[in-house]
Protein backbone atom coordinates (compact mmCIF):
# COMPACT_ATOMS: atom_id res chain seq x y z
CA MET A 1 129.98 112.36 102.03
CA ARG A 2 127.05 110.45 103.60
CA GLY A 3 124.25 112.41 105.07
CA THR A 4 125.85 115.91 104.49
CA VAL A 5 123.73 119.01 104.81
CA PHE A 6 124.17 121.81 102.81
CA GLN A 7 122.44 125.17 101.61
CA ALA A 8 121.17 124.82 98.06
CA ARG A 9 122.76 127.57 96.32
CA GLY A 10 120.71 130.20 94.78
CA SER A 11 117.71 129.10 96.77
CA ARG A 12 115.42 132.08 97.77
CA LEU A 13 113.53 129.77 100.13
CA GLY A 14 116.59 128.70 102.16
CA HIS A 15 115.86 124.64 101.25
CA ARG A 16 118.20 122.40 102.86
CA VAL A 17 119.40 119.76 100.82
CA ARG A 18 120.30 116.27 101.61
CA ARG A 19 123.41 114.46 99.68
CA CYS A 20 124.25 111.00 99.88
CA LEU A 21 126.68 109.13 98.41
CA THR A 22 126.25 105.31 98.37
CA ILE A 23 129.14 102.83 97.08
CA TRP A 24 127.91 99.72 95.76
CA TYR A 25 130.48 96.75 95.91
CA LEU A 26 130.38 93.75 93.13
CA PRO A 27 132.64 91.18 94.04
CA LEU A 28 134.44 89.33 91.15
CA MET A 29 135.24 86.03 90.51
CA ILE A 30 139.04 85.73 90.31
CA THR A 31 139.84 82.78 87.46
CA ARG A 32 143.37 82.59 88.24
CA PRO A 33 143.73 81.66 92.36
CA PRO A 34 146.74 83.53 93.86
CA ARG A 35 149.80 82.26 95.00
CA ILE A 36 149.35 81.48 99.02
CA ASP A 37 152.73 79.85 99.91
CA GLN A 38 151.98 81.01 103.62
CA LEU A 39 149.77 82.11 106.00
CA GLU A 40 150.21 84.55 108.74
CA TRP A 41 149.25 84.06 112.10
CA ASP A 42 149.21 86.77 115.23
CA GLU A 43 147.21 86.24 118.51
CA TRP A 44 144.25 88.49 117.01
CA ASN A 45 143.33 86.28 114.07
CA LEU A 46 144.10 83.10 116.03
CA ASP A 47 141.82 84.13 118.43
CA HIS A 48 139.07 85.45 116.09
CA ILE A 49 138.89 82.21 113.89
CA GLN A 50 138.58 79.81 117.57
CA LYS A 51 135.34 82.30 118.47
CA HIS A 52 133.66 80.67 114.94
CA GLY A 53 135.31 76.92 115.82
CA VAL A 54 137.48 76.77 112.97
CA THR A 55 141.16 75.22 113.45
CA VAL A 56 144.25 76.64 111.82
CA THR A 57 144.80 72.71 110.16
CA GLU A 58 141.59 73.61 108.58
CA VAL A 59 142.36 76.99 107.42
CA ALA A 60 145.18 75.81 105.92
CA GLU A 61 143.60 72.94 103.67
CA VAL A 62 141.40 75.77 102.35
CA PRO A 63 143.64 77.74 99.51
CA ILE A 64 145.06 74.04 98.55
CA SER A 65 141.62 72.28 97.43
CA ASP A 66 139.70 73.20 95.01
CA ALA A 67 138.54 76.54 96.28
CA MET A 68 136.66 79.32 94.85
CA TYR A 69 138.19 82.84 95.21
CA GLN A 70 136.46 86.02 95.10
CA THR A 71 137.59 89.69 95.38
CA THR A 72 136.36 91.69 98.56
CA TYR A 73 137.14 95.17 99.74
CA LYS A 74 140.77 96.16 100.41
CA ASN A 75 142.23 94.01 98.08
CA ARG A 76 141.42 91.21 100.31
CA ILE A 77 140.20 87.70 98.71
CA MET A 78 137.70 85.53 99.91
CA VAL A 79 138.19 81.58 99.81
CA THR A 80 135.63 79.40 99.76
CA GLY A 81 136.15 75.80 99.80
CA PRO A 82 136.20 72.24 101.48
CA THR A 83 138.44 70.80 104.01
CA SER A 84 139.95 67.42 104.10
CA SER A 85 137.07 66.28 106.29
CA GLY A 86 134.44 67.77 103.88
CA ARG A 87 133.68 70.68 105.97
CA MET A 88 132.86 74.20 103.62
CA LEU A 89 134.78 77.13 105.02
CA THR A 90 134.91 80.57 104.06
CA ILE A 91 138.52 82.45 104.92
CA VAL A 92 139.37 86.24 104.26
CA VAL A 93 143.22 86.78 103.04
CA GLY A 94 145.08 89.57 102.72
CA GLU A 95 148.55 89.75 101.35
CA SER A 96 151.32 90.56 103.53
CA PRO A 97 153.25 94.05 102.51
CA TYR A 98 156.04 92.29 104.57
CA GLN A 99 156.57 89.02 102.33
CA ARG A 100 155.45 88.43 98.82
CA TYR A 101 153.04 85.20 98.54
CA ARG A 102 152.34 85.41 102.54
CA TRP A 103 148.91 86.18 103.40
CA TYR A 104 147.11 87.51 106.51
CA VAL A 105 144.10 85.97 107.81
CA PHE A 106 141.67 88.53 108.50
CA SER A 107 138.55 86.09 109.38
CA ALA A 108 137.90 81.85 109.08
CA ARG A 109 134.20 80.68 109.31
CA PRO A 110 132.06 77.88 108.29
CA ALA A 111 130.54 78.98 105.13
CA SER A 112 127.26 80.42 104.93
CA ARG A 113 124.35 78.75 102.82
CA THR A 114 124.91 81.19 100.05
CA GLU A 115 128.48 80.62 100.05
CA ARG A 116 128.22 76.66 99.93
CA ARG A 117 125.27 77.46 97.01
CA ASP A 118 127.74 79.29 94.97
CA TYR A 119 130.49 76.87 95.44
CA ALA A 120 128.26 73.86 94.29
CA ASP A 121 127.19 75.79 91.60
CA ARG A 122 130.43 76.39 90.36
CA GLU A 123 131.45 72.62 90.62
CA ALA A 124 128.62 72.16 88.67
CA GLY A 125 129.51 73.94 86.13
CA GLY A 126 127.13 77.16 86.49
CA GLN A 127 128.61 80.51 87.20
CA PRO A 128 127.77 81.61 90.85
CA GLN A 129 125.09 84.30 91.53
CA PRO A 130 126.96 88.08 92.70
């Protein structure tokens, strides 16, 4: 409960106390990449990746390249890797509830500076910073 206001018990002065819950998320590197046989597309995600200037072909190239995998919220996986043209992309996928090894594409965009640095660090043998 974020920002919930409640009356403190036993308070004679009737002070109000604010109680906040903060959830911290630490992405974890995945050492064994998931099996991705097929990417799932619909009208929404096709339109979404087009806004980022990314094509379906480029998205399909990232998981089969030497990509870096990280867990994200809601059991999704963030995949950062190069396309065949050398462009670095980050895609976010979630496993389809309908078919095993089929993944729904939530987002695909050019990799940020931090994501490109983490990928380069991993390629050089270092550990990406959390």
